[in-house]
Amino acid sequence: MLLPENVKDSTIWMNGEFKNWSEGKIHMINHGLHYASSVFEGERVYNGKIFKSKEHSERLIRSAAILKMDVDFSVEDIEKAKKEVVAKCGYENAYLRCFVWRGGEGMGISAPSAKINIAIATWEWPSYFSKELHETGISLLKSPWRKPSPETAPVKSKAAGLYMIGTLSKIHANENGYNDALMLDYRGYVAESSGANLFSVKNGEIITPTPDCFLNGITRLTIIDLAKEAGIKVTEKHISYDELMEADEIFLTGTAAEVTPVGKIDDQTFKIGPVTKQMMTDYAKLVRS
């Protein structure tokens, strides 16, 4: 995804101050850059309004706390700043990133003297996958990398460092002609894609992996609520790879991905069925309501 040309003229918010995009600079000696001590939220703006904004701000604070980073700004402060950034940029439909990181005032593994920074930026980003792929379904390739055990990584935090295996998984998938990756967890159960939660459908029932070693996404929770409101049974459980491959339908969910149908996993194809189509329609209506 290339940033649009006009983004250089937009406004960002950094540590309580509004700045031009080009003024958002940090030093190369930076703990977040060297040791991945940063957390973030990806959010979408629909018709000028940030969807599930407060839920994202609350999770940002929780994620930072898990990484022992105390943010000097409250949820209310962050909410106000996000709205002002969107208004100053004049976007009706956009993507927004709010992120927290340790600075360069101290290095070494723990760096207790490093300042905790926070910033917000937004830009226009219509869709994570193309319109054509939403009509045919994306392809997933099983990744050689696996989601870690909760005993080995802060899996309940939206920590930047946890996305490295997602990056490597997606690169591996792209190099082999697939759109994205299917990731298993450390036990061999189905987890998610490189950066989005996964749902399967069997005989009209939605089945989704238990989020005990990966992020329980805000979009994931929204889809579960929408499905239950529509009278669709939803089951959360551990899913084996073989069981997943017996599904009638498969789709992904995430702030960036929204609701994206899956048309192929490894060598097996899947149809975009009625449940997936309903979730795509219901979600699109909700975010713009």
C-alpha atoms as a PDB file:
ATOM      1  CA  MET A   1       0.000   0.000   0.000  1.00  0.00           C
ATOM      2  CA  LEU A   2       1.520   3.302  -1.124  1.00  0.00           C
ATOM      3  CA  LEU A   3       0.644   6.416   0.836  1.00  0.00           C
ATOM      4  CA  PRO A   4      -1.259   8.956  -1.287  1.00  0.00           C
ATOM      5  CA  GLU A   5       0.698  11.928  -2.605  1.00  0.00           C
ATOM      6  CA  ASN A   6      -1.429  14.475  -0.737  1.00  0.00           C
ATOM      7  CA  VAL A   7      -0.614  12.939   2.661  1.00  0.00           C
ATOM      8  CA  LYS A   8       2.476  15.160   2.973  1.00  0.00           C
ATOM      9  CA  ASP A   9       0.185  18.159   3.407  1.00  0.00           C
ATOM     10  CA  SER A  10      -1.897  16.604   6.169  1.00  0.00           C
ATOM     11  CA  THR A  11      -1.869  17.049   9.945  1.00  0.00           C
ATOM     12  CA  ILE A  12      -0.609  14.651  12.611  1.00  0.00           C
ATOM     13  CA  TRP A  13      -0.754  14.753  16.416  1.00  0.00           C
ATOM     14  CA  MET A  14       2.357  13.931  18.422  1.00  0.00           C
ATOM     15  CA  ASN A  15       2.727  14.082  22.210  1.00  0.00           C
ATOM     16  CA  GLY A  16      -0.077  16.612  22.546  1.00  0.00           C
ATOM     17  CA  GLU A  17       0.847  18.867  19.625  1.00  0.00           C
ATOM     18  CA  PHE A  18      -0.538  19.159  16.098  1.00  0.00           C
ATOM     19  CA  LYS A  19       2.124  19.188  13.388  1.00  0.00           C
ATOM     20  CA  ASN A  20       2.481  18.955   9.647  1.00  0.00           C
ATOM     21  CA  TRP A  21       3.012  15.382   8.435  1.00  0.00           C
ATOM     22  CA  SER A  22       6.625  16.174   7.446  1.00  0.00           C
ATOM     23  CA  GLU A  23       7.418  17.300  11.004  1.00  0.00           C
ATOM     24  CA  GLY A  24       6.733  13.877  12.489  1.00  0.00           C
ATOM     25  CA  LYS A  25      10.363  12.941  13.068  1.00  0.00           C
ATOM     26  CA  ILE A  26      12.106  10.706  15.590  1.00  0.00           C
ATOM     27  CA  HIS A  27      15.790  10.001  16.167  1.00  0.00           C
ATOM     28  CA  MET A  28      17.452   6.879  14.777  1.00  0.00           C
ATOM     29  CA  ILE A  29      18.489   5.963  18.321  1.00  0.00           C
ATOM     30  CA  ASN A  30      15.028   4.955  19.365  1.00  0.00           C
ATOM     31  CA  HIS A  31      14.010   2.061  21.610  1.00  0.00           C
ATOM     32  CA  GLY A  32      10.836   1.407  19.627  1.00  0.00           C
ATOM     33  CA  LEU A  33      12.860   1.086  16.426  1.00  0.00           C
ATOM     34  CA  HIS A  34      15.680  -1.026  17.905  1.00  0.00           C
ATOM     35  CA  TYR A  35      13.694  -3.267  20.261  1.00  0.00           C
ATOM     36  CA  ALA A  36      10.124  -3.104  18.877  1.00  0.00           C
ATOM     37  CA  SER A  37       8.799  -1.603  22.121  1.00  0.00           C
ATOM     38  CA  SER A  38       5.722  -0.082  20.534  1.00  0.00           C
ATOM     39  CA  VAL A  39       2.008  -0.747  20.277  1.00  0.00           C
ATOM     40  CA  PHE A  40      -0.555   0.578  17.830  1.00  0.00           C
ATOM     41  CA  GLU A  41      -4.174   0.703  16.744  1.00  0.00           C
ATOM     42  CA  GLY A  42      -5.462   0.657  13.177  1.00  0.00           C
ATOM     43  CA  GLU A  43      -8.851   2.352  12.823  1.00  0.00           C
ATOM     44  CA  ARG A  44     -11.213   3.299  10.023  1.00  0.00           C
ATOM     45  CA  VAL A  45     -13.081   6.510   9.372  1.00  0.00           C
ATOM     46  CA  TYR A  46     -16.471   6.166   7.680  1.00  0.00           C
ATOM     47  CA  ASN A  47     -18.440   9.256   6.708  1.00  0.00           C
ATOM     48  CA  GLY A  48     -16.192  11.356   8.921  1.00  0.00           C
ATOM     49  CA  LYS A  49     -16.681   9.188  12.028  1.00  0.00           C
ATOM     50  CA  ILE A  50     -14.112   6.799  13.537  1.00  0.00           C
ATOM     51  CA  PHE A  51     -15.688   3.358  13.913  1.00  0.00           C
ATOM     52  CA  LYS A  52     -15.416   1.852  17.419  1.00  0.00           C
ATOM     53  CA  SER A  53     -13.063   4.687  18.314  1.00  0.00           C
ATOM     54  CA  LYS A  54     -13.247   4.399  22.098  1.00  0.00           C
ATOM     55  CA  GLU A  55     -12.748   0.632  22.017  1.00  0.00           C
ATOM     56  CA  HIS A  56      -9.546   1.187  20.044  1.00  0.00           C
ATOM     57  CA  SER A  57      -8.286   3.894  22.411  1.00  0.00           C
ATOM     58  CA  GLU A  58      -8.956   1.698  25.432  1.00  0.00           C
ATOM     59  CA  ARG A  59      -7.131  -1.227  23.852  1.00  0.00           C
ATOM     60  CA  LEU A  60      -4.172   1.011  23.011  1.00  0.00           C
ATOM     61  CA  ILE A  61      -3.785   1.914  26.680  1.00  0.00           C
ATOM     62  CA  ARG A  62      -4.120  -1.743  27.716  1.00  0.00           C
ATOM     63  CA  SER A  63      -1.570  -2.852  25.119  1.00  0.00           C
ATOM     64  CA  ALA A  64       0.900  -0.217  26.285  1.00  0.00           C
ATOM     65  CA  ALA A  65       0.420  -1.232  29.922  1.00  0.00           C
ATOM     66  CA  ILE A  66       1.214  -4.870  29.085  1.00  0.00           C
ATOM     67  CA  LEU A  67       4.529  -3.623  27.655  1.00  0.00           C
ATOM     68  CA  LYS A  68       5.080  -1.572  30.862  1.00  0.00           C
ATOM     69  CA  MET A  69       4.517   1.740  29.101  1.00  0.00           C
ATOM     70  CA  ASP A  70       2.502   4.344  30.991  1.00  0.00           C
ATOM     71  CA  VAL A  71       0.832   6.758  28.574  1.00  0.00           C
ATOM     72  CA  ASP A  72       0.566  10.361  29.803  1.00  0.00           C
ATOM     73  CA  PHE A  73      -2.719  10.882  27.955  1.00  0.00           C
ATOM     74  CA  SER A  74      -6.121   9.511  28.950  1.00  0.00           C
ATOM     75  CA  VAL A  75      -8.596   7.703  26.711  1.00  0.00           C
ATOM     76  CA  GLU A  76     -10.588  10.951  26.582  1.00  0.00           C
ATOM     77  CA  ASP A  77      -7.484  12.897  25.502  1.00  0.00           C
ATOM     78  CA  ILE A  78      -6.761  10.393  22.750  1.00  0.00           C
ATOM     79  CA  GLU A  79     -10.387  10.407  21.593  1.00  0.00           C
ATOM     80  CA  LYS A  80     -10.366  14.198  21.308  1.00  0.00           C
ATOM     81  CA  ALA A  81      -7.046  14.226  19.445  1.00  0.00           C
ATOM     82  CA  LYS A  82      -8.165  11.568  16.944  1.00  0.00           C
ATOM     83  CA  LYS A  83     -11.331  13.476  16.095  1.00  0.00           C
ATOM     84  CA  GLU A  84      -9.376  16.699  15.642  1.00  0.00           C
ATOM     85  CA  VAL A  85      -6.798  15.052  13.377  1.00  0.00           C
ATOM     86  CA  VAL A  86      -9.544  13.641  11.147  1.00  0.00           C
ATOM     87  CA  ALA A  87     -11.283  17.036  11.047  1.00  0.00           C
ATOM     88  CA  LYS A  88      -8.083  18.949  10.264  1.00  0.00           C
ATOM     89  CA  CYS A  89      -7.234  16.519   7.453  1.00  0.00           C
ATOM     90  CA  GLY A  90     -10.761  16.786   6.063  1.00  0.00           C
ATOM     91  CA  TYR A  91     -11.159  13.089   5.355  1.00  0.00           C
ATOM     92  CA  GLU A  92     -14.612  11.520   5.113  1.00  0.00           C
ATOM     93  CA  ASN A  93     -13.307   7.984   4.629  1.00  0.00           C
ATOM     94  CA  ALA A  94      -9.812   7.110   5.791  1.00  0.00           C
ATOM     95  CA  TYR A  95      -7.523   4.877   7.817  1.00  0.00           C
ATOM     96  CA  LEU A  96      -6.065   6.059  11.136  1.00  0.00           C
ATOM     97  CA  ARG A  97      -3.090   4.909  13.176  1.00  0.00           C
ATOM     98  CA  CYS A  98      -2.591   5.737  16.846  1.00  0.00           C
ATOM     99  CA  PHE A  99       0.633   4.391  18.307  1.00  0.00           C
ATOM    100  CA  VAL A 100       2.818   4.459  21.413  1.00  0.00           C
ATOM    101  CA  TRP A 101       6.555   3.814  21.632  1.00  0.00           C
ATOM    102  CA  ARG A 102       9.626   4.128  23.827  1.00  0.00           C
ATOM    103  CA  GLY A 103      11.990   6.874  22.740  1.00  0.00           C
ATOM    104  CA  GLY A 104      15.765   7.156  22.581  1.00  0.00           C
ATOM    105  CA  GLU A 105      16.494   8.741  25.945  1.00  0.00           C
ATOM    106  CA  GLY A 106      17.726   5.363  27.146  1.00  0.00           C
ATOM    107  CA  MET A 107      18.874   2.236  25.355  1.00  0.00           C
ATOM    108  CA  GLY A 108      19.517  -1.317  26.475  1.00  0.00           C
ATOM    109  CA  ILE A 109      16.797  -3.908  26.920  1.00  0.00           C
ATOM    110  CA  SER A 110      14.664  -2.262  29.606  1.00  0.00           C
ATOM    111  CA  ALA A 111      15.539   1.469  29.155  1.00  0.00           C
ATOM    112  CA  PRO A 112      13.591   2.775  32.178  1.00  0.00           C
ATOM    113  CA  SER A 113      14.587   6.370  31.371  1.00  0.00           C
ATOM    114  CA  ALA A 114      13.163   6.290  27.829  1.00  0.00           C
ATOM    115  CA  LYS A 115      10.264   8.674  27.242  1.00  0.00           C
ATOM    116  CA  ILE A 116       6.904   7.146  26.303  1.00  0.00           C
ATOM    117  CA  ASN A 117       5.644   8.814  23.118  1.00  0.00           C
ATOM    118  CA  ILE A 118       2.270   8.792  21.398  1.00  0.00           C
ATOM    119  CA  ALA A 119       1.209   9.934  17.923  1.00  0.00           C
ATOM    120  CA  ILE A 120      -1.776   9.865  15.588  1.00  0.00           C
ATOM    121  CA  ALA A 121      -1.786   9.951  11.785  1.00  0.00           C
ATOM    122  CA  THR A 122      -4.497   9.369   9.203  1.00  0.00           C
ATOM    123  CA  TRP A 123      -4.624   8.935   5.439  1.00  0.00           C
ATOM    124  CA  GLU A 124      -6.970   7.774   2.695  1.00  0.00           C
ATOM    125  CA  TRP A 125      -6.910   3.999   2.228  1.00  0.00           C
ATOM    126  CA  PRO A 126     -10.010   2.607   0.450  1.00  0.00           C
ATOM    127  CA  SER A 127      -9.499  -1.137   0.905  1.00  0.00           C
ATOM    128  CA  TYR A 128      -6.845  -3.584   2.071  1.00  0.00           C
ATOM    129  CA  PHE A 129      -7.673  -5.964  -0.772  1.00  0.00           C
ATOM    130  CA  SER A 130      -8.953  -5.017  -4.224  1.00  0.00           C
ATOM    131  CA  LYS A 131     -12.621  -4.939  -5.203  1.00  0.00           C
ATOM    132  CA  GLU A 132     -11.965  -7.863  -7.552  1.00  0.00           C
ATOM    133  CA  LEU A 133     -10.628 -10.004  -4.694  1.00  0.00           C
ATOM    134  CA  HIS A 134     -13.703  -9.223  -2.615  1.00  0.00           C
ATOM    135  CA  GLU A 135     -15.739 -10.707  -5.452  1.00  0.00           C
ATOM    136  CA  THR A 136     -13.609 -13.817  -6.034  1.00  0.00           C
ATOM    137  CA  GLY A 137     -12.117 -14.343  -2.581  1.00  0.00           C
ATOM    138  CA  ILE A 138      -8.469 -14.084  -1.588  1.00  0.00           C
ATOM    139  CA  SER A 139      -6.016 -16.976  -1.543  1.00  0.00           C
ATOM    140  CA  LEU A 140      -4.160 -18.112   1.596  1.00  0.00           C
ATOM    141  CA  LEU A 141      -1.024 -20.238   1.871  1.00  0.00           C
ATOM    142  CA  LYS A 142      -0.235 -22.072   5.100  1.00  0.00           C
ATOM    143  CA  SER A 143       2.684 -20.330   6.759  1.00  0.00           C
ATOM    144  CA  PRO A 144       5.856 -22.016   8.020  1.00  0.00           C
ATOM    145  CA  TRP A 145       5.652 -19.621  11.010  1.00  0.00           C
ATOM    146  CA  ARG A 146       3.324 -20.172  13.972  1.00  0.00           C
ATOM    147  CA  LYS A 147       1.625 -17.982  16.554  1.00  0.00           C
ATOM    148  CA  PRO A 148       3.556 -18.170  19.857  1.00  0.00           C
ATOM    149  CA  SER A 149       2.460 -19.494  23.207  1.00  0.00           C
ATOM    150  CA  PRO A 150       1.188 -16.883  25.714  1.00  0.00           C
ATOM    151  CA  GLU A 151       4.127 -17.926  27.888  1.00  0.00           C
ATOM    152  CA  THR A 152       6.591 -16.707  25.263  1.00  0.00           C
ATOM    153  CA  ALA A 153       5.093 -13.421  24.014  1.00  0.00           C
ATOM    154  CA  PRO A 154       2.632 -10.691  25.133  1.00  0.00           C
ATOM    155  CA  VAL A 155      -0.123 -12.035  22.883  1.00  0.00           C
ATOM    156  CA  LYS A 156      -2.918  -9.905  24.404  1.00  0.00           C
ATOM    157  CA  SER A 157      -1.131  -6.695  23.401  1.00  0.00           C
ATOM    158  CA  LYS A 158      -1.322  -5.216  19.910  1.00  0.00           C
ATOM    159  CA  ALA A 159       2.448  -5.038  19.999  1.00  0.00           C
ATOM    160  CA  ALA A 160       4.371  -4.169  16.853  1.00  0.00           C
ATOM    161  CA  GLY A 161       6.940  -6.915  17.439  1.00  0.00           C
ATOM    162  CA  LEU A 162       4.299  -9.621  17.216  1.00  0.00           C
ATOM    163  CA  TYR A 163       3.667  -8.663  13.588  1.00  0.00           C
ATOM    164  CA  MET A 164       7.102  -9.763  12.362  1.00  0.00           C
ATOM    165  CA  ILE A 165       5.990 -13.369  11.874  1.00  0.00           C
ATOM    166  CA  GLY A 166       2.919 -12.017  10.090  1.00  0.00           C
ATOM    167  CA  THR A 167       5.168  -9.973   7.803  1.00  0.00           C
ATOM    168  CA  LEU A 168       7.359 -12.997   7.051  1.00  0.00           C
ATOM    169  CA  SER A 169       4.289 -15.184   6.513  1.00  0.00           C
ATOM    170  CA  LYS A 170       2.735 -12.768   4.044  1.00  0.00           C
ATOM    171  CA  ILE A 171       6.015 -12.324   2.161  1.00  0.00           C
ATOM    172  CA  HIS A 172       6.257 -16.111   1.888  1.00  0.00           C
ATOM    173  CA  ALA A 173       2.671 -16.295   0.605  1.00  0.00           C
ATOM    174  CA  ASN A 174       3.178 -13.481  -1.916  1.00  0.00           C
ATOM    175  CA  GLU A 175       6.383 -15.045  -3.215  1.00  0.00           C
ATOM    176  CA  ASN A 176       4.405 -18.207  -3.939  1.00  0.00           C
ATOM    177  CA  GLY A 177       1.557 -16.418  -5.725  1.00  0.00           C
ATOM    178  CA  TYR A 178      -0.937 -16.161  -2.843  1.00  0.00           C
ATOM    179  CA  ASN A 179      -2.580 -13.049  -1.427  1.00  0.00           C
ATOM    180  CA  ASP A 180      -2.011 -13.772   2.248  1.00  0.00           C
ATOM    181  CA  ALA A 181      -1.033 -16.428   4.764  1.00  0.00           C
ATOM    182  CA  LEU A 182      -2.904 -18.881   6.955  1.00  0.00           C
ATOM    183  CA  MET A 183      -1.200 -19.074  10.328  1.00  0.00           C
ATOM    184  CA  LEU A 184      -1.461 -21.956  12.773  1.00  0.00           C
ATOM    185  CA  ASP A 185      -0.654 -21.570  16.452  1.00  0.00           C
ATOM    186  CA  TYR A 186       2.121 -23.208  18.479  1.00  0.00           C
ATOM    187  CA  ARG A 187      -0.092 -26.282  19.031  1.00  0.00           C
ATOM    188  CA  GLY A 188      -0.978 -26.689  15.368  1.00  0.00           C
ATOM    189  CA  TYR A 189      -4.498 -25.272  15.597  1.00  0.00           C
ATOM    190  CA  VAL A 190      -5.772 -22.696  13.103  1.00  0.00           C
ATOM    191  CA  ALA A 191      -5.137 -19.133  14.339  1.00  0.00           C
ATOM    192  CA  GLU A 192      -5.658 -16.363  11.776  1.00  0.00           C
ATOM    193  CA  SER A 193      -4.163 -14.798   8.658  1.00  0.00           C
ATOM    194  CA  SER A 194      -1.054 -12.606   8.743  1.00  0.00           C
ATOM    195  CA  GLY A 195      -3.044  -9.789  10.337  1.00  0.00           C
ATOM    196  CA  ALA A 196      -6.765 -10.598  10.419  1.00  0.00           C
ATOM    197  CA  ASN A 197      -9.034 -12.944  12.346  1.00  0.00           C
ATOM    198  CA  LEU A 198     -10.547 -15.955  10.616  1.00  0.00           C
ATOM    199  CA  PHE A 199     -14.071 -17.393  10.490  1.00  0.00           C
ATOM    200  CA  SER A 200     -15.327 -20.578   8.864  1.00  0.00           C
ATOM    201  CA  VAL A 201     -18.897 -21.629   8.062  1.00  0.00           C
ATOM    202  CA  LYS A 202     -20.211 -25.189   8.170  1.00  0.00           C
ATOM    203  CA  ASN A 203     -23.875 -26.042   7.574  1.00  0.00           C
ATOM    204  CA  GLY A 204     -24.859 -22.446   8.267  1.00  0.00           C
ATOM    205  CA  GLU A 205     -22.977 -22.272  11.587  1.00  0.00           C
ATOM    206  CA  ILE A 206     -20.073 -19.866  12.067  1.00  0.00           C
ATOM    207  CA  ILE A 207     -17.009 -21.399  13.698  1.00  0.00           C
ATOM    208  CA  THR A 208     -14.018 -19.282  14.723  1.00  0.00           C
ATOM    209  CA  PRO A 209     -10.768 -20.084  16.562  1.00  0.00           C
ATOM    210  CA  THR A 210     -10.572 -19.373  20.286  1.00  0.00           C
ATOM    211  CA  PRO A 211      -8.351 -16.264  20.653  1.00  0.00           C
ATOM    212  CA  ASP A 212      -6.110 -17.599  23.418  1.00  0.00           C
ATOM    213  CA  CYS A 213      -2.780 -16.870  21.708  1.00  0.00           C
ATOM    214  CA  PHE A 214      -3.638 -14.066  19.292  1.00  0.00           C
ATOM    215  CA  LEU A 215      -5.542 -10.793  19.387  1.00  0.00           C
ATOM    216  CA  ASN A 216      -9.293 -10.923  19.983  1.00  0.00           C
ATOM    217  CA  GLY A 217     -10.017  -8.345  17.316  1.00  0.00           C
ATOM    218  CA  ILE A 218     -12.560  -5.545  17.633  1.00  0.00           C
ATOM    219  CA  THR A 219     -13.929  -6.365  14.178  1.00  0.00           C
ATOM    220  CA  ARG A 220     -14.035 -10.039  15.193  1.00  0.00           C
ATOM    221  CA  LEU A 221     -16.213  -9.200  18.191  1.00  0.00           C
ATOM    222  CA  THR A 222     -18.424  -6.992  16.015  1.00  0.00           C
ATOM    223  CA  ILE A 223     -18.997  -9.802  13.523  1.00  0.00           C
ATOM    224  CA  ILE A 224     -19.882 -12.238  16.319  1.00  0.00           C
ATOM    225  CA  ASP A 225     -22.485  -9.761  17.588  1.00  0.00           C
ATOM    226  CA  LEU A 226     -23.895  -9.215  14.083  1.00  0.00           C
ATOM    227  CA  ALA A 227     -24.137 -12.948  13.467  1.00  0.00           C
ATOM    228  CA  LYS A 228     -25.959 -13.571  16.737  1.00  0.00           C
ATOM    229  CA  GLU A 229     -28.353 -10.702  16.005  1.00  0.00           C
ATOM    230  CA  ALA A 230     -29.097 -12.381  12.664  1.00  0.00           C
ATOM    231  CA  GLY A 231     -29.859 -15.674  14.397  1.00  0.00           C
ATOM    232  CA  ILE A 232     -26.687 -17.388  13.189  1.00  0.00           C
ATOM    233  CA  LYS A 233     -25.074 -19.793  15.647  1.00  0.00           C
ATOM    234  CA  VAL A 234     -21.473 -18.889  16.506  1.00  0.00           C
ATOM    235  CA  THR A 235     -19.033 -21.361  18.057  1.00  0.00           C
ATOM    236  CA  GLU A 236     -15.557 -20.480  19.327  1.00  0.00           C
ATOM    237  CA  LYS A 237     -13.230 -23.455  19.607  1.00  0.00           C
ATOM    238  CA  HIS A 238      -9.874 -24.870  18.616  1.00  0.00           C
ATOM    239  CA  ILE A 239      -9.958 -25.799  14.927  1.00  0.00           C
ATOM    240  CA  SER A 240      -7.581 -28.223  13.259  1.00  0.00           C
ATOM    241  CA  TYR A 241      -6.259 -27.564   9.772  1.00  0.00           C
ATOM    242  CA  ASP A 242      -8.122 -30.616   8.442  1.00  0.00           C
ATOM    243  CA  GLU A 243     -11.396 -29.411   9.970  1.00  0.00           C
ATOM    244  CA  LEU A 244     -10.941 -25.965   8.443  1.00  0.00           C
ATOM    245  CA  MET A 245     -10.482 -27.502   5.010  1.00  0.00           C
ATOM    246  CA  GLU A 246     -13.914 -29.130   5.334  1.00  0.00           C
ATOM    247  CA  ALA A 247     -15.650 -25.749   5.747  1.00  0.00           C
ATOM    248  CA  ASP A 248     -18.310 -24.519   3.325  1.00  0.00           C
ATOM    249  CA  GLU A 249     -17.171 -20.879   3.548  1.00  0.00           C
ATOM    250  CA  ILE A 250     -14.236 -18.970   5.023  1.00  0.00           C
ATOM    251  CA  PHE A 251     -13.748 -15.255   5.581  1.00  0.00           C
ATOM    252  CA  LEU A 252     -11.388 -12.869   7.364  1.00  0.00           C
ATOM    253  CA  THR A 253     -12.167  -9.857   9.525  1.00  0.00           C
ATOM    254  CA  GLY A 254     -10.149  -6.850  10.626  1.00  0.00           C
ATOM    255  CA  THR A 255     -10.200  -3.071  10.644  1.00  0.00           C
ATOM    256  CA  ALA A 256      -8.150  -2.892   7.459  1.00  0.00           C
ATOM    257  CA  ALA A 257      -9.519  -6.078   5.861  1.00  0.00           C
ATOM    258  CA  GLU A 258     -13.114  -5.377   7.023  1.00  0.00           C
ATOM    259  CA  VAL A 259     -14.914  -8.611   5.949  1.00  0.00           C
ATOM    260  CA  THR A 260     -12.933 -10.363   3.223  1.00  0.00           C
ATOM    261  CA  PRO A 261     -13.998 -13.690   1.676  1.00  0.00           C
ATOM    262  CA  VAL A 262     -11.459 -16.480   1.198  1.00  0.00           C
ATOM    263  CA  GLY A 263     -11.618 -18.320  -2.114  1.00  0.00           C
ATOM    264  CA  LYS A 264      -8.645 -20.627  -1.743  1.00  0.00           C
ATOM    265  CA  ILE A 265      -6.390 -22.159   0.923  1.00  0.00           C
ATOM    266  CA  ASP A 266      -3.329 -23.954  -0.356  1.00  0.00           C
ATOM    267  CA  ASP A 267      -4.716 -26.064  -3.242  1.00  0.00           C
ATOM    268  CA  GLN A 268      -8.348 -26.134  -2.123  1.00  0.00           C
ATOM    269  CA  THR A 269     -10.999 -23.688  -3.303  1.00  0.00           C
ATOM    270  CA  PHE A 270     -14.023 -22.342  -1.391  1.00  0.00           C
ATOM    271  CA  LYS A 271     -17.230 -20.653  -2.490  1.00  0.00           C
ATOM    272  CA  ILE A 272     -18.329 -17.242  -1.253  1.00  0.00           C
ATOM    273  CA  GLY A 273     -21.541 -18.443   0.365  1.00  0.00           C
ATOM    274  CA  PRO A 274     -24.641 -16.813   1.847  1.00  0.00           C
ATOM    275  CA  VAL A 275     -23.315 -16.377   5.388  1.00  0.00           C
ATOM    276  CA  THR A 276     -20.166 -14.622   4.198  1.00  0.00           C
ATOM    277  CA  LYS A 277     -22.198 -12.376   1.912  1.00  0.00           C
ATOM    278  CA  GLN A 278     -24.580 -11.510   4.749  1.00  0.00           C
ATOM    279  CA  MET A 279     -21.713 -10.618   7.093  1.00  0.00           C
ATOM    280  CA  MET A 280     -20.134  -8.443   4.392  1.00  0.00           C
ATOM    281  CA  THR A 281     -23.432  -6.630   3.844  1.00  0.00           C
ATOM    282  CA  ASP A 282     -24.343  -6.264   7.522  1.00  0.00           C
ATOM    283  CA  TYR A 283     -20.906  -4.987   8.448  1.00  0.00           C
ATOM    284  CA  ALA A 284     -20.862  -2.467   5.596  1.00  0.00           C
ATOM    285  CA  LYS A 285     -24.232  -1.139   6.753  1.00  0.00           C
ATOM    286  CA  LEU A 286     -23.157  -0.935  10.397  1.00  0.00           C
ATOM    287  CA  VAL A 287     -19.966   1.027   9.866  1.00  0.00           C
ATOM    288  CA  ARG A 288     -21.777   3.632   7.787  1.00  0.00           C
ATOM    289  CA  SER A 289     -24.861   3.901   9.979  1.00  0.00           C
END
